[in-house]
Amino acid sequence: MLRRLLRDNGLSVTMFGLFVVFLLVQSLTGWSVTNSENQEHNQPTLTYISYLTSGSFVEATFENWESEFLQMGAYVLLTAYLIQEGSPESKNPDGDEDDADPREMVTHPDVPWPVARGGLIHNLYEYSLSVALFALFALSFTFHALGGHAELNQQQLEHGRVTDLPARLHDELTVLVSILPKPAE
């Protein structure tokens, strides 16, 4: 039973296993680097669990995921429309029955149910991989931003530099206007 399950799902088991290993290695490396930087600045070191809940870990993790989901979403979308002769990921420039419009085969017994149903369900099904990858990109982007915000707040608290944003923004704009007066205006 287990042997068959592993045989039939070997790719998924391997990929999820590698994902866990790489995430663990990334977290251990980030924890080590963060604690080294904290020691250099005479700040207390973090426990591993504290690091996993810190903005630094969240920001680093979702920054990596963000770029990967954007890349894969763009790749999936572009390979649906563009041709690269000789590439196994590309459509055949001379046409291929595998690339036929599935709406023309709604009576075929092996057609997926969203195709047979048609309408909005079919449209969502047709673009589901691109939609999923771009949704994961948006989610990663959001968590990257939230993690970065949390990390910045933590650094400001540790270094005693908590100031109000409008005053900081005013100072930065003053510097910008004095350096680049015409474009800044």
C-alpha atoms as a PDB file:
ATOM      1  CA  MET A   1       0.000   0.000   0.000  1.00  0.00           C
ATOM      2  CA  LEU A   2       2.669   2.565   1.034  1.00  0.00           C
ATOM      3  CA  ARG A   3       4.948   1.389  -1.749  1.00  0.00           C
ATOM      4  CA  ARG A   4       2.234   1.930  -4.358  1.00  0.00           C
ATOM      5  CA  LEU A   5       1.358   5.336  -2.875  1.00  0.00           C
ATOM      6  CA  LEU A   6       5.004   6.416  -3.119  1.00  0.00           C
ATOM      7  CA  ARG A   7       5.314   5.032  -6.650  1.00  0.00           C
ATOM      8  CA  ASP A   8       2.158   6.758  -7.857  1.00  0.00           C
ATOM      9  CA  ASN A   9       2.991  10.058  -6.132  1.00  0.00           C
ATOM     10  CA  GLY A  10       6.795  10.050  -6.263  1.00  0.00           C
ATOM     11  CA  LEU A  11       7.072  13.458  -7.901  1.00  0.00           C
ATOM     12  CA  SER A  12       4.800  15.155  -5.345  1.00  0.00           C
ATOM     13  CA  VAL A  13       6.479  13.449  -2.375  1.00  0.00           C
ATOM     14  CA  THR A  14       9.939  14.396  -3.674  1.00  0.00           C
ATOM     15  CA  MET A  15       9.019  18.007  -4.440  1.00  0.00           C
ATOM     16  CA  PHE A  16       7.261  18.603  -1.105  1.00  0.00           C
ATOM     17  CA  GLY A  17      10.167  16.904   0.684  1.00  0.00           C
ATOM     18  CA  LEU A  18      12.700  19.149  -1.067  1.00  0.00           C
ATOM     19  CA  PHE A  19      10.519  22.172  -0.303  1.00  0.00           C
ATOM     20  CA  VAL A  20      10.599  21.364   3.416  1.00  0.00           C
ATOM     21  CA  VAL A  21      14.381  20.736   3.354  1.00  0.00           C
ATOM     22  CA  PHE A  22      15.110  24.010   1.511  1.00  0.00           C
ATOM     23  CA  LEU A  23      12.774  26.028   3.730  1.00  0.00           C
ATOM     24  CA  LEU A  24      14.470  24.546   6.807  1.00  0.00           C
ATOM     25  CA  VAL A  25      17.949  25.360   5.451  1.00  0.00           C
ATOM     26  CA  GLN A  26      16.843  28.900   4.545  1.00  0.00           C
ATOM     27  CA  SER A  27      15.392  29.425   8.019  1.00  0.00           C
ATOM     28  CA  LEU A  28      18.507  28.118   9.770  1.00  0.00           C
ATOM     29  CA  THR A  29      20.770  30.275   7.601  1.00  0.00           C
ATOM     30  CA  GLY A  30      18.603  33.366   8.126  1.00  0.00           C
ATOM     31  CA  TRP A  31      18.495  32.735  11.871  1.00  0.00           C
ATOM     32  CA  SER A  32      22.288  32.502  11.973  1.00  0.00           C
ATOM     33  CA  VAL A  33      22.764  35.691   9.937  1.00  0.00           C
ATOM     34  CA  THR A  34      20.191  37.612  11.986  1.00  0.00           C
ATOM     35  CA  ASN A  35      21.837  36.589  15.258  1.00  0.00           C
ATOM     36  CA  SER A  36      25.281  37.525  13.911  1.00  0.00           C
ATOM     37  CA  GLU A  37      23.988  40.971  12.964  1.00  0.00           C
ATOM     38  CA  ASN A  38      22.292  41.336  16.353  1.00  0.00           C
ATOM     39  CA  GLN A  39      25.562  40.511  18.126  1.00  0.00           C
ATOM     40  CA  GLU A  40      27.444  43.072  16.012  1.00  0.00           C
ATOM     41  CA  HIS A  41      24.955  45.732  17.101  1.00  0.00           C
ATOM     42  CA  ASN A  42      24.879  44.616  20.749  1.00  0.00           C
ATOM     43  CA  GLN A  43      21.283  43.429  20.419  1.00  0.00           C
ATOM     44  CA  PRO A  44      19.907  40.259  22.020  1.00  0.00           C
ATOM     45  CA  THR A  45      19.939  37.118  19.889  1.00  0.00           C
ATOM     46  CA  LEU A  46      16.706  35.387  18.885  1.00  0.00           C
ATOM     47  CA  THR A  47      15.627  31.857  19.589  1.00  0.00           C
ATOM     48  CA  TYR A  48      14.858  29.812  16.489  1.00  0.00           C
ATOM     49  CA  ILE A  49      11.115  29.980  17.164  1.00  0.00           C
ATOM     50  CA  SER A  50      11.313  33.758  17.670  1.00  0.00           C
ATOM     51  CA  TYR A  51      13.132  34.076  14.356  1.00  0.00           C
ATOM     52  CA  LEU A  52      10.426  32.036  12.567  1.00  0.00           C
ATOM     53  CA  THR A  53       7.802  34.526  13.741  1.00  0.00           C
ATOM     54  CA  SER A  54       9.916  37.597  12.978  1.00  0.00           C
ATOM     55  CA  GLY A  55       9.433  40.023  10.131  1.00  0.00           C
ATOM     56  CA  SER A  56      12.908  39.133   8.890  1.00  0.00           C
ATOM     57  CA  PHE A  57      11.984  35.498   8.214  1.00  0.00           C
ATOM     58  CA  VAL A  58       8.585  36.369   6.752  1.00  0.00           C
ATOM     59  CA  GLU A  59      10.082  39.021   4.469  1.00  0.00           C
ATOM     60  CA  ALA A  60      12.919  36.787   3.218  1.00  0.00           C
ATOM     61  CA  THR A  61      10.656  33.801   2.620  1.00  0.00           C
ATOM     62  CA  PHE A  62       7.922  35.628   0.755  1.00  0.00           C
ATOM     63  CA  GLU A  63      10.425  37.704  -1.219  1.00  0.00           C
ATOM     64  CA  ASN A  64      11.771  34.426  -2.650  1.00  0.00           C
ATOM     65  CA  TRP A  65       8.298  33.045  -3.306  1.00  0.00           C
ATOM     66  CA  GLU A  66       7.142  36.306  -4.880  1.00  0.00           C
ATOM     67  CA  SER A  67       9.756  36.167  -7.623  1.00  0.00           C
ATOM     68  CA  GLU A  68       9.132  32.475  -8.288  1.00  0.00           C
ATOM     69  CA  PHE A  69       5.353  32.812  -8.626  1.00  0.00           C
ATOM     70  CA  LEU A  70       5.697  35.858 -10.890  1.00  0.00           C
ATOM     71  CA  GLN A  71       8.190  34.002 -13.076  1.00  0.00           C
ATOM     72  CA  MET A  72       6.066  30.855 -13.314  1.00  0.00           C
ATOM     73  CA  GLY A  73       2.846  32.799 -13.897  1.00  0.00           C
ATOM     74  CA  ALA A  74       4.439  34.747 -16.738  1.00  0.00           C
ATOM     75  CA  TYR A  75       5.968  31.568 -18.175  1.00  0.00           C
ATOM     76  CA  VAL A  76       2.652  29.689 -18.156  1.00  0.00           C
ATOM     77  CA  LEU A  77       0.785  32.621 -19.685  1.00  0.00           C
ATOM     78  CA  LEU A  78       3.400  33.253 -22.379  1.00  0.00           C
ATOM     79  CA  THR A  79       3.749  29.587 -23.370  1.00  0.00           C
ATOM     80  CA  ALA A  80       0.003  29.489 -23.956  1.00  0.00           C
ATOM     81  CA  TYR A  81       0.294  32.141 -26.681  1.00  0.00           C
ATOM     82  CA  LEU A  82       3.877  32.202 -27.969  1.00  0.00           C
ATOM     83  CA  ILE A  83       5.675  29.502 -29.947  1.00  0.00           C
ATOM     84  CA  GLN A  84       9.266  28.325 -29.598  1.00  0.00           C
ATOM     85  CA  GLU A  85      10.093  25.773 -32.257  1.00  0.00           C
ATOM     86  CA  GLY A  86      11.575  22.596 -30.790  1.00  0.00           C
ATOM     87  CA  SER A  87      10.576  23.355 -27.201  1.00  0.00           C
ATOM     88  CA  PRO A  88       8.503  20.660 -25.479  1.00  0.00           C
ATOM     89  CA  GLU A  89       6.660  23.392 -23.544  1.00  0.00           C
ATOM     90  CA  SER A  90       5.564  25.165 -26.715  1.00  0.00           C
ATOM     91  CA  LYS A  91       2.744  24.489 -29.091  1.00  0.00           C
ATOM     92  CA  ASN A  92       3.696  22.886 -32.387  1.00  0.00           C
ATOM     93  CA  PRO A  93       3.959  25.728 -34.944  1.00  0.00           C
ATOM     94  CA  ASP A  94       2.319  23.464 -37.560  1.00  0.00           C
ATOM     95  CA  GLY A  95      -0.606  22.600 -35.288  1.00  0.00           C
ATOM     96  CA  ASP A  96      -1.264  19.532 -33.175  1.00  0.00           C
ATOM     97  CA  GLU A  97      -4.423  17.720 -32.134  1.00  0.00           C
ATOM     98  CA  ASP A  98      -3.393  18.102 -28.479  1.00  0.00           C
ATOM     99  CA  ASP A  99      -3.626  21.875 -28.950  1.00  0.00           C
ATOM    100  CA  ALA A 100      -7.126  21.718 -30.449  1.00  0.00           C
ATOM    101  CA  ASP A 101      -9.773  23.895 -28.847  1.00  0.00           C
ATOM    102  CA  PRO A 102     -11.441  21.690 -26.208  1.00  0.00           C
ATOM    103  CA  ARG A 103     -14.800  23.382 -26.838  1.00  0.00           C
ATOM    104  CA  GLU A 104     -14.886  21.508 -30.138  1.00  0.00           C
ATOM    105  CA  MET A 105     -14.688  18.203 -28.246  1.00  0.00           C
ATOM    106  CA  VAL A 106     -17.439  18.660 -25.625  1.00  0.00           C
ATOM    107  CA  THR A 107     -19.047  15.355 -26.613  1.00  0.00           C
ATOM    108  CA  HIS A 108     -15.812  13.375 -26.168  1.00  0.00           C
ATOM    109  CA  PRO A 109     -16.052  11.028 -23.137  1.00  0.00           C
ATOM    110  CA  ASP A 110     -12.670  12.090 -21.689  1.00  0.00           C
ATOM    111  CA  VAL A 111     -13.321  15.818 -21.752  1.00  0.00           C
ATOM    112  CA  PRO A 112     -13.021  17.427 -18.260  1.00  0.00           C
ATOM    113  CA  TRP A 113     -16.381  18.416 -16.745  1.00  0.00           C
ATOM    114  CA  PRO A 114     -15.655  22.199 -16.747  1.00  0.00           C
ATOM    115  CA  VAL A 115     -15.102  22.034 -20.509  1.00  0.00           C
ATOM    116  CA  ALA A 116     -18.318  20.071 -21.025  1.00  0.00           C
ATOM    117  CA  ARG A 117     -20.237  22.506 -18.813  1.00  0.00           C
ATOM    118  CA  GLY A 118     -18.910  25.605 -20.595  1.00  0.00           C
ATOM    119  CA  GLY A 119     -19.462  29.228 -19.634  1.00  0.00           C
ATOM    120  CA  LEU A 120     -17.717  30.861 -16.690  1.00  0.00           C
ATOM    121  CA  ILE A 121     -16.672  27.497 -15.210  1.00  0.00           C
ATOM    122  CA  HIS A 122     -14.861  26.658 -18.446  1.00  0.00           C
ATOM    123  CA  ASN A 123     -13.162  30.070 -18.581  1.00  0.00           C
ATOM    124  CA  LEU A 124     -11.902  29.719 -14.998  1.00  0.00           C
ATOM    125  CA  TYR A 125     -10.728  26.189 -15.760  1.00  0.00           C
ATOM    126  CA  GLU A 126      -9.005  27.340 -18.948  1.00  0.00           C
ATOM    127  CA  TYR A 127      -6.905  29.930 -17.096  1.00  0.00           C
ATOM    128  CA  SER A 128      -6.765  28.215 -13.689  1.00  0.00           C
ATOM    129  CA  LEU A 129      -2.999  27.671 -13.579  1.00  0.00           C
ATOM    130  CA  SER A 130      -2.203  31.276 -14.532  1.00  0.00           C
ATOM    131  CA  VAL A 131      -4.833  32.597 -12.119  1.00  0.00           C
ATOM    132  CA  ALA A 132      -3.484  30.417  -9.306  1.00  0.00           C
ATOM    133  CA  LEU A 133       0.139  31.459  -9.903  1.00  0.00           C
ATOM    134  CA  PHE A 134      -0.683  35.166 -10.107  1.00  0.00           C
ATOM    135  CA  ALA A 135      -2.867  34.884  -6.982  1.00  0.00           C
ATOM    136  CA  LEU A 136       0.058  33.238  -5.174  1.00  0.00           C
ATOM    137  CA  PHE A 137       2.290  36.047  -6.444  1.00  0.00           C
ATOM    138  CA  ALA A 138      -0.132  38.657  -5.039  1.00  0.00           C
ATOM    139  CA  LEU A 139      -0.297  36.796  -1.718  1.00  0.00           C
ATOM    140  CA  SER A 140       3.506  36.523  -1.567  1.00  0.00           C
ATOM    141  CA  PHE A 141       3.846  40.211  -2.451  1.00  0.00           C
ATOM    142  CA  THR A 142       1.490  41.114   0.391  1.00  0.00           C
ATOM    143  CA  PHE A 143       3.295  38.951   2.958  1.00  0.00           C
ATOM    144  CA  HIS A 144       6.674  40.228   1.729  1.00  0.00           C
ATOM    145  CA  ALA A 145       5.488  43.796   2.326  1.00  0.00           C
ATOM    146  CA  LEU A 146       4.004  42.956   5.732  1.00  0.00           C
ATOM    147  CA  GLY A 147       7.172  41.114   6.772  1.00  0.00           C
ATOM    148  CA  GLY A 148       9.333  44.031   5.639  1.00  0.00           C
ATOM    149  CA  HIS A 149       7.156  46.463   7.564  1.00  0.00           C
ATOM    150  CA  ALA A 150       7.382  44.321  10.712  1.00  0.00           C
ATOM    151  CA  GLU A 151      11.162  44.012  10.328  1.00  0.00           C
ATOM    152  CA  LEU A 152      11.580  47.767   9.874  1.00  0.00           C
ATOM    153  CA  ASN A 153       9.455  48.463  12.941  1.00  0.00           C
ATOM    154  CA  GLN A 154      11.471  45.963  14.982  1.00  0.00           C
ATOM    155  CA  GLN A 155      14.773  47.525  13.871  1.00  0.00           C
ATOM    156  CA  GLN A 156      13.538  50.996  14.740  1.00  0.00           C
ATOM    157  CA  LEU A 157      12.438  49.834  18.191  1.00  0.00           C
ATOM    158  CA  GLU A 158      15.775  48.133  18.843  1.00  0.00           C
ATOM    159  CA  HIS A 159      17.775  51.146  17.738  1.00  0.00           C
ATOM    160  CA  GLY A 160      15.550  53.697  19.474  1.00  0.00           C
ATOM    161  CA  ARG A 161      14.680  55.476  16.228  1.00  0.00           C
ATOM    162  CA  VAL A 162      10.923  55.453  16.346  1.00  0.00           C
ATOM    163  CA  THR A 163       9.721  58.688  14.809  1.00  0.00           C
ATOM    164  CA  ASP A 164       6.514  59.765  13.212  1.00  0.00           C
ATOM    165  CA  LEU A 165       6.265  59.144   9.495  1.00  0.00           C
ATOM    166  CA  PRO A 166       5.167  62.636   8.410  1.00  0.00           C
ATOM    167  CA  ALA A 167       8.291  64.253   9.914  1.00  0.00           C
ATOM    168  CA  ARG A 168      10.548  61.629   8.315  1.00  0.00           C
ATOM    169  CA  LEU A 169       8.760  62.000   5.011  1.00  0.00           C
ATOM    170  CA  HIS A 170       9.096  65.793   5.209  1.00  0.00           C
ATOM    171  CA  ASP A 171      12.871  65.485   5.802  1.00  0.00           C
ATOM    172  CA  GLU A 172      13.276  63.063   2.875  1.00  0.00           C
ATOM    173  CA  LEU A 173      11.278  65.318   0.552  1.00  0.00           C
ATOM    174  CA  THR A 174      13.375  68.321   1.623  1.00  0.00           C
ATOM    175  CA  VAL A 175      16.540  66.432   0.673  1.00  0.00           C
ATOM    176  CA  LEU A 176      14.985  65.270  -2.612  1.00  0.00           C
ATOM    177  CA  VAL A 177      13.866  68.767  -3.595  1.00  0.00           C
ATOM    178  CA  SER A 178      17.302  70.225  -2.838  1.00  0.00           C
ATOM    179  CA  ILE A 179      19.025  67.545  -4.946  1.00  0.00           C
ATOM    180  CA  LEU A 180      16.549  67.338  -7.824  1.00  0.00           C
ATOM    181  CA  PRO A 181      14.462  70.527  -7.699  1.00  0.00           C
ATOM    182  CA  LYS A 182      12.714  70.352 -11.097  1.00  0.00           C
ATOM    183  CA  PRO A 183      11.811  66.599 -11.229  1.00  0.00           C
ATOM    184  CA  ALA A 184      10.802  66.589  -7.546  1.00  0.00           C
ATOM    185  CA  GLU A 185       8.308  69.393  -8.031  1.00  0.00           C
END
